[in-house]
mmCIF file of all heavy atoms, coordinates in Angstrom:
data_MODEL
# 
_entry.id   MODEL 
# 
loop_
_atom_site.group_PDB 
_atom_site.id 
_atom_site.type_symbol 
_atom_site.label_atom_id 
_atom_site.label_alt_id 
_atom_site.label_comp_id 
_atom_site.label_asym_id 
_atom_site.label_entity_id 
_atom_site.label_seq_id 
_atom_site.pdbx_PDB_ins_code 
_atom_site.Cartn_x 
_atom_site.Cartn_y 
_atom_site.Cartn_z 
_atom_site.occupancy 
_atom_site.B_iso_or_equiv 
_atom_site.pdbx_formal_charge 
_atom_site.auth_seq_id 
_atom_site.auth_comp_id 
_atom_site.auth_asym_id 
_atom_site.auth_atom_id 
_atom_site.pdbx_PDB_model_num 
ATOM 1   N N   . ASP A 1 1  ? 168.552 62.161 -49.005 1.00 0.00 ? 1  ASP A N   1 
ATOM 2   C CA  . ASP A 1 1  ? 168.371 63.617 -48.810 1.00 0.00 ? 1  ASP A CA  1 
ATOM 3   C C   . ASP A 1 1  ? 167.089 63.940 -48.033 1.00 0.00 ? 1  ASP A C   1 
ATOM 4   O O   . ASP A 1 1  ? 166.841 65.115 -47.702 1.00 0.00 ? 1  ASP A O   1 
ATOM 5   C CB  . ASP A 1 1  ? 168.333 64.315 -50.169 1.00 0.00 ? 1  ASP A CB  1 
ATOM 6   C CG  . ASP A 1 1  ? 169.649 64.235 -50.893 1.00 0.00 ? 1  ASP A CG  1 
ATOM 7   O OD1 . ASP A 1 1  ? 170.697 64.104 -50.221 1.00 0.00 ? 1  ASP A OD1 1 
ATOM 8   O OD2 . ASP A 1 1  ? 169.650 64.265 -52.151 1.00 0.00 ? 1  ASP A OD2 1 
ATOM 9   N N   . ILE A 1 2  ? 166.256 62.956 -47.760 1.00 0.00 ? 2  ILE A N   1 
ATOM 10  C CA  . ILE A 1 2  ? 165.055 63.199 -46.946 1.00 0.00 ? 2  ILE A CA  1 
ATOM 11  C C   . ILE A 1 2  ? 165.483 63.178 -45.472 1.00 0.00 ? 2  ILE A C   1 
ATOM 12  O O   . ILE A 1 2  ? 165.821 62.122 -44.914 1.00 0.00 ? 2  ILE A O   1 
ATOM 13  C CB  . ILE A 1 2  ? 163.985 62.106 -47.191 1.00 0.00 ? 2  ILE A CB  1 
ATOM 14  C CG1 . ILE A 1 2  ? 163.622 62.020 -48.670 1.00 0.00 ? 2  ILE A CG1 1 
ATOM 15  C CG2 . ILE A 1 2  ? 162.765 62.305 -46.287 1.00 0.00 ? 2  ILE A CG2 1 
ATOM 16  C CD1 . ILE A 1 2  ? 162.511 62.847 -49.144 1.00 0.00 ? 2  ILE A CD1 1 
ATOM 17  N N   . LYS A 1 3  ? 165.468 64.321 -44.860 1.00 0.00 ? 3  LYS A N   1 
ATOM 18  C CA  . LYS A 1 3  ? 165.991 64.448 -43.482 1.00 0.00 ? 3  LYS A CA  1 
ATOM 19  C C   . LYS A 1 3  ? 164.916 64.511 -42.390 1.00 0.00 ? 3  LYS A C   1 
ATOM 20  O O   . LYS A 1 3  ? 165.188 64.337 -41.229 1.00 0.00 ? 3  LYS A O   1 
ATOM 21  C CB  . LYS A 1 3  ? 166.874 65.697 -43.347 1.00 0.00 ? 3  LYS A CB  1 
ATOM 22  C CG  . LYS A 1 3  ? 167.989 65.804 -44.376 1.00 0.00 ? 3  LYS A CG  1 
ATOM 23  C CD  . LYS A 1 3  ? 169.010 64.697 -44.244 1.00 0.00 ? 3  LYS A CD  1 
ATOM 24  C CE  . LYS A 1 3  ? 170.195 64.927 -45.161 1.00 0.00 ? 3  LYS A CE  1 
ATOM 25  N NZ  . LYS A 1 3  ? 171.067 63.754 -45.290 1.00 0.00 ? 3  LYS A NZ  1 
ATOM 26  N N   . ILE A 1 4  ? 163.652 64.755 -42.817 1.00 0.00 ? 4  ILE A N   1 
ATOM 27  C CA  . ILE A 1 4  ? 162.599 64.921 -41.785 1.00 0.00 ? 4  ILE A CA  1 
ATOM 28  C C   . ILE A 1 4  ? 162.226 63.547 -41.194 1.00 0.00 ? 4  ILE A C   1 
ATOM 29  O O   . ILE A 1 4  ? 162.448 62.512 -41.821 1.00 0.00 ? 4  ILE A O   1 
ATOM 30  C CB  . ILE A 1 4  ? 161.369 65.625 -42.378 1.00 0.00 ? 4  ILE A CB  1 
ATOM 31  C CG1 . ILE A 1 4  ? 160.776 64.835 -43.551 1.00 0.00 ? 4  ILE A CG1 1 
ATOM 32  C CG2 . ILE A 1 4  ? 161.672 67.063 -42.766 1.00 0.00 ? 4  ILE A CG2 1 
ATOM 33  C CD1 . ILE A 1 4  ? 159.465 65.394 -44.066 1.00 0.00 ? 4  ILE A CD1 1 
ATOM 34  N N   . PRO A 1 5  ? 161.652 63.547 -39.974 1.00 0.00 ? 5  PRO A N   1 
ATOM 35  C CA  . PRO A 1 5  ? 161.201 62.274 -39.372 1.00 0.00 ? 5  PRO A CA  1 
ATOM 36  C C   . PRO A 1 5  ? 160.243 61.548 -40.331 1.00 0.00 ? 5  PRO A C   1 
ATOM 37  O O   . PRO A 1 5  ? 159.287 62.152 -40.843 1.00 0.00 ? 5  PRO A O   1 
ATOM 38  C CB  . PRO A 1 5  ? 160.492 62.724 -38.097 1.00 0.00 ? 5  PRO A CB  1 
ATOM 39  C CG  . PRO A 1 5  ? 161.068 64.043 -37.778 1.00 0.00 ? 5  PRO A CG  1 
ATOM 40  C CD  . PRO A 1 5  ? 161.389 64.690 -39.089 1.00 0.00 ? 5  PRO A CD  1 
ATOM 41  N N   . THR A 1 6  ? 160.533 60.277 -40.542 1.00 0.00 ? 6  THR A N   1 
ATOM 42  C CA  . THR A 1 6  ? 159.733 59.482 -41.520 1.00 0.00 ? 6  THR A CA  1 
ATOM 43  C C   . THR A 1 6  ? 159.258 58.197 -40.886 1.00 0.00 ? 6  THR A C   1 
ATOM 44  O O   . THR A 1 6  ? 160.051 57.458 -40.292 1.00 0.00 ? 6  THR A O   1 
ATOM 45  C CB  . THR A 1 6  ? 160.587 59.184 -42.758 1.00 0.00 ? 6  THR A CB  1 
ATOM 46  O OG1 . THR A 1 6  ? 161.016 60.425 -43.373 1.00 0.00 ? 6  THR A OG1 1 
ATOM 47  C CG2 . THR A 1 6  ? 159.804 58.375 -43.796 1.00 0.00 ? 6  THR A CG2 1 
ATOM 48  N N   . LEU A 1 7  ? 157.953 57.964 -41.023 1.00 0.00 ? 7  LEU A N   1 
ATOM 49  C CA  . LEU A 1 7  ? 157.331 56.750 -40.509 1.00 0.00 ? 7  LEU A CA  1 
ATOM 50  C C   . LEU A 1 7  ? 157.009 55.841 -41.701 1.00 0.00 ? 7  LEU A C   1 
ATOM 51  O O   . LEU A 1 7  ? 156.386 56.287 -42.680 1.00 0.00 ? 7  LEU A O   1 
ATOM 52  C CB  . LEU A 1 7  ? 156.047 57.100 -39.731 1.00 0.00 ? 7  LEU A CB  1 
ATOM 53  C CG  . LEU A 1 7  ? 155.224 55.924 -39.210 1.00 0.00 ? 7  LEU A CG  1 
ATOM 54  C CD1 . LEU A 1 7  ? 155.991 55.184 -38.097 1.00 0.00 ? 7  LEU A CD1 1 
ATOM 55  C CD2 . LEU A 1 7  ? 153.869 56.415 -38.695 1.00 0.00 ? 7  LEU A CD2 1 
ATOM 56  N N   . LEU A 1 8  ? 157.424 54.593 -41.623 1.00 0.00 ? 8  LEU A N   1 
ATOM 57  C CA  . LEU A 1 8  ? 157.155 53.602 -42.672 1.00 0.00 ? 8  LEU A CA  1 
ATOM 58  C C   . LEU A 1 8  ? 156.229 52.533 -42.075 1.00 0.00 ? 8  LEU A C   1 
ATOM 59  O O   . LEU A 1 8  ? 156.580 51.907 -41.083 1.00 0.00 ? 8  LEU A O   1 
ATOM 60  C CB  . LEU A 1 8  ? 158.447 52.963 -43.161 1.00 0.00 ? 8  LEU A CB  1 
ATOM 61  C CG  . LEU A 1 8  ? 159.559 53.929 -43.609 1.00 0.00 ? 8  LEU A CG  1 
ATOM 62  C CD1 . LEU A 1 8  ? 160.892 53.221 -43.703 1.00 0.00 ? 8  LEU A CD1 1 
ATOM 63  C CD2 . LEU A 1 8  ? 159.179 54.586 -44.924 1.00 0.00 ? 8  LEU A CD2 1 
ATOM 64  N N   . VAL A 1 9  ? 155.045 52.378 -42.674 1.00 0.00 ? 9  VAL A N   1 
ATOM 65  C CA  . VAL A 1 9  ? 154.097 51.379 -42.184 1.00 0.00 ? 9  VAL A CA  1 
ATOM 66  C C   . VAL A 1 9  ? 153.772 50.439 -43.347 1.00 0.00 ? 9  VAL A C   1 
ATOM 67  O O   . VAL A 1 9  ? 153.226 50.876 -44.362 1.00 0.00 ? 9  VAL A O   1 
ATOM 68  C CB  . VAL A 1 9  ? 152.797 52.016 -41.638 1.00 0.00 ? 9  VAL A CB  1 
ATOM 69  C CG1 . VAL A 1 9  ? 151.909 50.942 -41.010 1.00 0.00 ? 9  VAL A CG1 1 
ATOM 70  C CG2 . VAL A 1 9  ? 153.098 53.095 -40.616 1.00 0.00 ? 9  VAL A CG2 1 
ATOM 71  N N   . TRP A 1 10 ? 154.122 49.162 -43.171 1.00 0.00 ? 10 TRP A N   1 
ATOM 72  C CA  . TRP A 1 10 ? 154.010 48.225 -44.273 1.00 0.00 ? 10 TRP A CA  1 
ATOM 73  C C   . TRP A 1 10 ? 153.157 46.998 -43.887 1.00 0.00 ? 10 TRP A C   1 
ATOM 74  O O   . TRP A 1 10 ? 153.228 46.531 -42.757 1.00 0.00 ? 10 TRP A O   1 
ATOM 75  C CB  . TRP A 1 10 ? 155.401 47.716 -44.677 1.00 0.00 ? 10 TRP A CB  1 
ATOM 76  C CG  . TRP A 1 10 ? 155.751 48.069 -46.096 1.00 0.00 ? 10 TRP A CG  1 
ATOM 77  C CD1 . TRP A 1 10 ? 155.781 47.237 -47.174 1.00 0.00 ? 10 TRP A CD1 1 
ATOM 78  C CD2 . TRP A 1 10 ? 156.118 49.354 -46.598 1.00 0.00 ? 10 TRP A CD2 1 
ATOM 79  N NE1 . TRP A 1 10 ? 156.131 47.910 -48.309 1.00 0.00 ? 10 TRP A NE1 1 
ATOM 80  C CE2 . TRP A 1 10 ? 156.352 49.248 -47.968 1.00 0.00 ? 10 TRP A CE2 1 
ATOM 81  C CE3 . TRP A 1 10 ? 156.256 50.625 -45.997 1.00 0.00 ? 10 TRP A CE3 1 
ATOM 82  C CZ2 . TRP A 1 10 ? 156.720 50.325 -48.779 1.00 0.00 ? 10 TRP A CZ2 1 
ATOM 83  C CZ3 . TRP A 1 10 ? 156.633 51.697 -46.788 1.00 0.00 ? 10 TRP A CZ3 1 
ATOM 84  C CH2 . TRP A 1 10 ? 156.851 51.526 -48.158 1.00 0.00 ? 10 TRP A CH2 1 
ATOM 85  N N   . GLY A 1 11 ? 152.367 46.512 -44.822 1.00 0.00 ? 11 GLY A N   1 
ATOM 86  C CA  . GLY A 1 11 ? 151.665 45.252 -44.636 1.00 0.00 ? 11 GLY A CA  1 
ATOM 87  C C   . GLY A 1 11 ? 152.629 44.082 -44.851 1.00 0.00 ? 11 GLY A C   1 
ATOM 88  O O   . GLY A 1 11 ? 153.346 44.065 -45.851 1.00 0.00 ? 11 GLY A O   1 
ATOM 89  N N   . LEU A 1 12 ? 152.650 43.144 -43.916 1.00 0.00 ? 12 LEU A N   1 
ATOM 90  C CA  . LEU A 1 12 ? 153.554 41.990 -44.063 1.00 0.00 ? 12 LEU A CA  1 
ATOM 91  C C   . LEU A 1 12 ? 153.171 41.135 -45.257 1.00 0.00 ? 12 LEU A C   1 
ATOM 92  O O   . LEU A 1 12 ? 153.992 40.344 -45.727 1.00 0.00 ? 12 LEU A O   1 
ATOM 93  C CB  . LEU A 1 12 ? 153.503 41.152 -42.788 1.00 0.00 ? 12 LEU A CB  1 
ATOM 94  C CG  . LEU A 1 12 ? 154.572 41.428 -41.724 1.00 0.00 ? 12 LEU A CG  1 
ATOM 95  C CD1 . LEU A 1 12 ? 154.342 40.548 -40.495 1.00 0.00 ? 12 LEU A CD1 1 
ATOM 96  C CD2 . LEU A 1 12 ? 155.984 41.231 -42.268 1.00 0.00 ? 12 LEU A CD2 1 
ATOM 97  N N   . ASN A 1 13 ? 151.950 41.266 -45.731 1.00 0.00 ? 13 ASN A N   1 
ATOM 98  C CA  . ASN A 1 13 ? 151.468 40.455 -46.859 1.00 0.00 ? 13 ASN A CA  1 
ATOM 99  C C   . ASN A 1 13 ? 151.258 41.269 -48.125 1.00 0.00 ? 13 ASN A C   1 
ATOM 100 O O   . ASN A 1 13 ? 150.520 40.884 -49.009 1.00 0.00 ? 13 ASN A O   1 
ATOM 101 C CB  . ASN A 1 13 ? 150.178 39.772 -46.447 1.00 0.00 ? 13 ASN A CB  1 
ATOM 102 C CG  . ASN A 1 13 ? 150.319 39.055 -45.091 1.00 0.00 ? 13 ASN A CG  1 
ATOM 103 O OD1 . ASN A 1 13 ? 150.018 39.666 -44.069 1.00 0.00 ? 13 ASN A OD1 1 
ATOM 104 N ND2 . ASN A 1 13 ? 150.796 37.827 -45.089 1.00 0.00 ? 13 ASN A ND2 1 
ATOM 105 N N   . ASP A 1 14 ? 151.945 42.407 -48.192 1.00 0.00 ? 14 ASP A N   1 
ATOM 106 C CA  . ASP A 1 14 ? 151.893 43.279 -49.387 1.00 0.00 ? 14 ASP A CA  1 
ATOM 107 C C   . ASP A 1 14 ? 152.594 42.594 -50.542 1.00 0.00 ? 14 ASP A C   1 
ATOM 108 O O   . ASP A 1 14 ? 153.778 42.294 -50.459 1.00 0.00 ? 14 ASP A O   1 
ATOM 109 C CB  . ASP A 1 14 ? 152.559 44.617 -49.050 1.00 0.00 ? 14 ASP A CB  1 
ATOM 110 C CG  . ASP A 1 14 ? 152.410 45.667 -50.151 1.00 0.00 ? 14 ASP A CG  1 
ATOM 111 O OD1 . ASP A 1 14 ? 152.052 45.296 -51.271 1.00 0.00 ? 14 ASP A OD1 1 
ATOM 112 O OD2 . ASP A 1 14 ? 152.663 46.844 -49.859 1.00 0.00 ? 14 ASP A OD2 1 
ATOM 113 N N   . THR A 1 15 ? 151.866 42.338 -51.611 1.00 0.00 ? 15 THR A N   1 
ATOM 114 C CA  . THR A 1 15 ? 152.494 41.692 -52.789 1.00 0.00 ? 15 THR A CA  1 
ATOM 115 C C   . THR A 1 15 ? 152.816 42.702 -53.897 1.00 0.00 ? 15 THR A C   1 
ATOM 116 O O   . THR A 1 15 ? 153.459 42.364 -54.883 1.00 0.00 ? 15 THR A O   1 
ATOM 117 C CB  . THR A 1 15 ? 151.552 40.602 -53.394 1.00 0.00 ? 15 THR A CB  1 
ATOM 118 O OG1 . THR A 1 15 ? 150.294 41.218 -53.725 1.00 0.00 ? 15 THR A OG1 1 
ATOM 119 C CG2 . THR A 1 15 ? 151.332 39.465 -52.406 1.00 0.00 ? 15 THR A CG2 1 
ATOM 120 N N   . VAL A 1 16 ? 152.353 43.942 -53.717 1.00 0.00 ? 16 VAL A N   1 
ATOM 121 C CA  . VAL A 1 16 ? 152.627 44.992 -54.708 1.00 0.00 ? 16 VAL A CA  1 
ATOM 122 C C   . VAL A 1 16 ? 153.968 45.653 -54.408 1.00 0.00 ? 16 VAL A C   1 
ATOM 123 O O   . VAL A 1 16 ? 154.833 45.786 -55.276 1.00 0.00 ? 16 VAL A O   1 
ATOM 124 C CB  . VAL A 1 16 ? 151.476 46.049 -54.735 1.00 0.00 ? 16 VAL A CB  1 
ATOM 125 C CG1 . VAL A 1 16 ? 151.767 47.119 -55.797 1.00 0.00 ? 16 VAL A CG1 1 
ATOM 126 C CG2 . VAL A 1 16 ? 150.133 45.375 -55.012 1.00 0.00 ? 16 VAL A CG2 1 
ATOM 127 N N   . THR A 1 17 ? 154.127 46.113 -53.169 1.00 0.00 ? 17 THR A N   1 
ATOM 128 C CA  . THR A 1 17 ? 155.439 46.599 -52.685 1.00 0.00 ? 17 THR A CA  1 
ATOM 129 C C   . THR A 1 17 ? 155.767 45.746 -51.466 1.00 0.00 ? 17 THR A C   1 
ATOM 130 O O   . THR A 1 17 ? 155.429 46.104 -50.345 1.00 0.00 ? 17 THR A O   1 
ATOM 131 C CB  . THR A 1 17 ? 155.357 48.114 -52.294 1.00 0.00 ? 17 THR A CB  1 
ATOM 132 O OG1 . THR A 1 17 ? 154.245 48.313 -51.420 1.00 0.00 ? 17 THR A OG1 1 
ATOM 133 C CG2 . THR A 1 17 ? 155.226 48.997 -53.512 1.00 0.00 ? 17 THR A CG2 1 
ATOM 134 N N   . PRO A 1 18 ? 156.411 44.599 -51.667 1.00 0.00 ? 18 PRO A N   1 
ATOM 135 C CA  . PRO A 1 18 ? 156.630 43.619 -50.594 1.00 0.00 ? 18 PRO A CA  1 
ATOM 136 C C   . PRO A 1 18 ? 157.400 44.212 -49.428 1.00 0.00 ? 18 PRO A C   1 
ATOM 137 O O   . PRO A 1 18 ? 158.012 45.266 -49.532 1.00 0.00 ? 18 PRO A O   1 
ATOM 138 C CB  . PRO A 1 18 ? 157.421 42.505 -51.288 1.00 0.00 ? 18 PRO A CB  1 
ATOM 139 C CG  . PRO A 1 18 ? 157.136 42.682 -52.753 1.00 0.00 ? 18 PRO A CG  1 
ATOM 140 C CD  . PRO A 1 18 ? 156.931 44.149 -52.969 1.00 0.00 ? 18 PRO A CD  1 
ATOM 141 N N   . PRO A 1 19 ? 157.388 43.501 -48.255 1.00 0.00 ? 19 PRO A N   1 
ATOM 142 C CA  . PRO A 1 19 ? 158.071 43.988 -47.064 1.00 0.00 ? 19 PRO A CA  1 
ATOM 143 C C   . PRO A 1 19 ? 159.527 44.418 -47.272 1.00 0.00 ? 19 PRO A C   1 
ATOM 144 O O   . PRO A 1 19 ? 159.973 45.370 -46.659 1.00 0.00 ? 19 PRO A O   1 
ATOM 145 C CB  . PRO A 1 19 ? 157.964 42.792 -46.095 1.00 0.00 ? 19 PRO A CB  1 
ATOM 146 C CG  . PRO A 1 19 ? 156.714 42.089 -46.499 1.00 0.00 ? 19 PRO A CG  1 
ATOM 147 C CD  . PRO A 1 19 ? 156.644 42.241 -48.004 1.00 0.00 ? 19 PRO A CD  1 
ATOM 148 N N   . MET A 1 20 ? 160.227 43.755 -48.171 1.00 0.00 ? 20 MET A N   1 
ATOM 149 C CA  . MET A 1 20 ? 161.627 44.127 -48.409 1.00 0.00 ? 20 MET A CA  1 
ATOM 150 C C   . MET A 1 20 ? 161.755 45.546 -48.969 1.00 0.00 ? 20 MET A C   1 
ATOM 151 O O   . MET A 1 20 ? 162.793 46.203 -48.804 1.00 0.00 ? 20 MET A O   1 
ATOM 152 C CB  . MET A 1 20 ? 162.343 43.122 -49.310 1.00 0.00 ? 20 MET A CB  1 
ATOM 153 C CG  . MET A 1 20 ? 161.759 42.945 -50.690 1.00 0.00 ? 20 MET A CG  1 
ATOM 154 S SD  . MET A 1 20 ? 162.516 44.041 -51.909 1.00 0.00 ? 20 MET A SD  1 
ATOM 155 C CE  . MET A 1 20 ? 161.789 43.440 -53.436 1.00 0.00 ? 20 MET A CE  1 
ATOM 156 N N   . VAL A 1 21 ? 160.683 46.034 -49.591 1.00 0.00 ? 21 VAL A N   1 
ATOM 157 C CA  . VAL A 1 21 ? 160.685 47.433 -50.082 1.00 0.00 ? 21 VAL A CA  1 
ATOM 158 C C   . VAL A 1 21 ? 160.665 48.389 -48.888 1.00 0.00 ? 21 VAL A C   1 
ATOM 159 O O   . VAL A 1 21 ? 161.418 49.375 -48.843 1.00 0.00 ? 21 VAL A O   1 
ATOM 160 C CB  . VAL A 1 21 ? 159.497 47.703 -51.018 1.00 0.00 ? 21 VAL A CB  1 
ATOM 161 C CG1 . VAL A 1 21 ? 159.494 49.154 -51.488 1.00 0.00 ? 21 VAL A CG1 1 
ATOM 162 C CG2 . VAL A 1 21 ? 159.509 46.767 -52.199 1.00 0.00 ? 21 VAL A CG2 1 
ATOM 163 N N   . GLY A 1 22 ? 159.851 48.091 -47.882 1.00 0.00 ? 22 GLY A N   1 
ATOM 164 C CA  . GLY A 1 22 ? 159.833 48.896 -46.649 1.00 0.00 ? 22 GLY A CA  1 
ATOM 165 C C   . GLY A 1 22 ? 161.201 48.894 -45.985 1.00 0.00 ? 22 GLY A C   1 
ATOM 166 O O   . GLY A 1 22 ? 161.675 49.926 -45.507 1.00 0.00 ? 22 GLY A O   1 
ATOM 167 N N   . GLU A 1 23 ? 161.849 47.723 -45.986 1.00 0.00 ? 23 GLU A N   1 
ATOM 168 C CA  . GLU A 1 23 ? 163.183 47.606 -45.354 1.00 0.00 ? 23 GLU A CA  1 
ATOM 169 C C   . GLU A 1 23 ? 164.206 48.453 -46.119 1.00 0.00 ? 23 GLU A C   1 
ATOM 170 O O   . GLU A 1 23 ? 165.095 49.057 -45.509 1.00 0.00 ? 23 GLU A O   1 
ATOM 171 C CB  . GLU A 1 23 ? 163.586 46.132 -45.296 1.00 0.00 ? 23 GLU A CB  1 
ATOM 172 C CG  . GLU A 1 23 ? 162.830 45.360 -44.239 1.00 0.00 ? 23 GLU A CG  1 
ATOM 173 C CD  . GLU A 1 23 ? 162.903 43.851 -44.397 1.00 0.00 ? 23 GLU A CD  1 
ATOM 174 O OE1 . GLU A 1 23 ? 163.585 43.367 -45.331 1.00 0.00 ? 23 GLU A OE1 1 
ATOM 175 O OE2 . GLU A 1 23 ? 162.299 43.140 -43.550 1.00 0.00 ? 23 GLU A OE2 1 
ATOM 176 N N   . GLU A 1 24 ? 164.070 48.480 -47.428 1.00 0.00 ? 24 GLU A N   1 
ATOM 177 C CA  . GLU A 1 24 ? 165.006 49.271 -48.260 1.00 0.00 ? 24 GLU A CA  1 
ATOM 178 C C   . GLU A 1 24 ? 164.800 50.770 -48.007 1.00 0.00 ? 24 GLU A C   1 
ATOM 179 O O   . GLU A 1 24 ? 165.768 51.519 -47.905 1.00 0.00 ? 24 GLU A O   1 
ATOM 180 C CB  . GLU A 1 24 ? 164.817 48.928 -49.755 1.00 0.00 ? 24 GLU A CB  1 
ATOM 181 C CG  . GLU A 1 24 ? 165.891 49.437 -50.680 1.00 0.00 ? 24 GLU A CG  1 
ATOM 182 C CD  . GLU A 1 24 ? 167.287 48.873 -50.392 1.00 0.00 ? 24 GLU A CD  1 
ATOM 183 O OE1 . GLU A 1 24 ? 167.417 47.815 -49.751 1.00 0.00 ? 24 GLU A OE1 1 
ATOM 184 O OE2 . GLU A 1 24 ? 168.263 49.534 -50.821 1.00 0.00 ? 24 GLU A OE2 1 
ATOM 185 N N   . PHE A 1 25 ? 163.529 51.200 -47.923 1.00 0.00 ? 25 PHE A N   1 
ATOM 186 C CA  . PHE A 1 25 ? 163.254 52.606 -47.562 1.00 0.00 ? 25 PHE A CA  1 
ATOM 187 C C   . PHE A 1 25 ? 163.897 52.950 -46.217 1.00 0.00 ? 25 PHE A C   1 
ATOM 188 O O   . PHE A 1 25 ? 164.463 54.015 -46.054 1.00 0.00 ? 25 PHE A O   1 
ATOM 189 C CB  . PHE A 1 25 ? 161.745 52.844 -47.498 1.00 0.00 ? 25 PHE A CB  1 
ATOM 190 C CG  . PHE A 1 25 ? 161.091 53.233 -48.805 1.00 0.00 ? 25 PHE A CG  1 
ATOM 191 C CD1 . PHE A 1 25 ? 160.122 52.424 -49.391 1.00 0.00 ? 25 PHE A CD1 1 
ATOM 192 C CD2 . PHE A 1 25 ? 161.425 54.409 -49.438 1.00 0.00 ? 25 PHE A CD2 1 
ATOM 193 C CE1 . PHE A 1 25 ? 159.523 52.769 -50.594 1.00 0.00 ? 25 PHE A CE1 1 
ATOM 194 C CE2 . PHE A 1 25 ? 160.831 54.768 -50.647 1.00 0.00 ? 25 PHE A CE2 1 
ATOM 195 C CZ  . PHE A 1 25 ? 159.878 53.929 -51.228 1.00 0.00 ? 25 PHE A CZ  1 
ATOM 196 N N   . LYS A 1 26 ? 163.784 52.028 -45.261 1.00 0.00 ? 26 LYS A N   1 
ATOM 197 C CA  . LYS A 1 26 ? 164.348 52.238 -43.922 1.00 0.00 ? 26 LYS A CA  1 
ATOM 198 C C   . LYS A 1 26 ? 165.865 52.437 -43.997 1.00 0.00 ? 26 LYS A C   1 
ATOM 199 O O   . LYS A 1 26 ? 166.449 53.285 -43.315 1.00 0.00 ? 26 LYS A O   1 
ATOM 200 C CB  . LYS A 1 26 ? 163.998 51.022 -43.031 1.00 0.00 ? 26 LYS A CB  1 
ATOM 201 C CG  . LYS A 1 26 ? 164.710 50.990 -41.677 1.00 0.00 ? 26 LYS A CG  1 
ATOM 202 C CD  . LYS A 1 26 ? 164.030 51.929 -40.687 1.00 0.00 ? 26 LYS A CD  1 
ATOM 203 C CE  . LYS A 1 26 ? 164.651 51.851 -39.300 1.00 0.00 ? 26 LYS A CE  1 
ATOM 204 N NZ  . LYS A 1 26 ? 165.973 52.452 -39.179 1.00 0.00 ? 26 LYS A NZ  1 
ATOM 205 N N   . LYS A 1 27 ? 166.546 51.659 -44.853 1.00 0.00 ? 27 LYS A N   1 
ATOM 206 C CA  . LYS A 1 27 ? 167.993 51.772 -45.005 1.00 0.00 ? 27 LYS A CA  1 
ATOM 207 C C   . LYS A 1 27 ? 168.385 53.111 -45.620 1.00 0.00 ? 27 LYS A C   1 
ATOM 208 O O   . LYS A 1 27 ? 169.407 53.682 -45.277 1.00 0.00 ? 27 LYS A O   1 
ATOM 209 C CB  . LYS A 1 27 ? 168.523 50.647 -45.934 1.00 0.00 ? 27 LYS A CB  1 
ATOM 210 C CG  . LYS A 1 27 ? 168.782 49.330 -45.243 1.00 0.00 ? 27 LYS A CG  1 
ATOM 211 C CD  . LYS A 1 27 ? 169.425 48.375 -46.250 1.00 0.00 ? 27 LYS A CD  1 
ATOM 212 C CE  . LYS A 1 27 ? 169.001 46.957 -45.950 1.00 0.00 ? 27 LYS A CE  1 
ATOM 213 N NZ  . LYS A 1 27 ? 169.228 46.054 -47.059 1.00 0.00 ? 27 LYS A NZ  1 
ATOM 214 N N   . LEU A 1 28 ? 167.568 53.578 -46.561 1.00 0.00 ? 28 LEU A N   1 
ATOM 215 C CA  . LEU A 1 28 ? 167.946 54.765 -47.353 1.00 0.00 ? 28 LEU A CA  1 
ATOM 216 C C   . LEU A 1 28 ? 167.545 56.098 -46.712 1.00 0.00 ? 28 LEU A C   1 
ATOM 217 O O   . LEU A 1 28 ? 168.226 57.087 -46.894 1.00 0.00 ? 28 LEU A O   1 
ATOM 218 C CB  . LEU A 1 28 ? 167.347 54.657 -48.746 1.00 0.00 ? 28 LEU A CB  1 
ATOM 219 C CG  . LEU A 1 28 ? 167.961 53.577 -49.657 1.00 0.00 ? 28 LEU A CG  1 
ATOM 220 C CD1 . LEU A 1 28 ? 167.096 53.334 -50.882 1.00 0.00 ? 28 LEU A CD1 1 
ATOM 221 C CD2 . LEU A 1 28 ? 169.379 53.989 -50.082 1.00 0.00 ? 28 LEU A CD2 1 
# 
């Protein structure tokens, strides 16, 4: 339901919210 332009910036070495979390946000 989030329709506005969204930028996702993730650290490749993030151990708290790992890169796959950024990828999941991108899908949704």
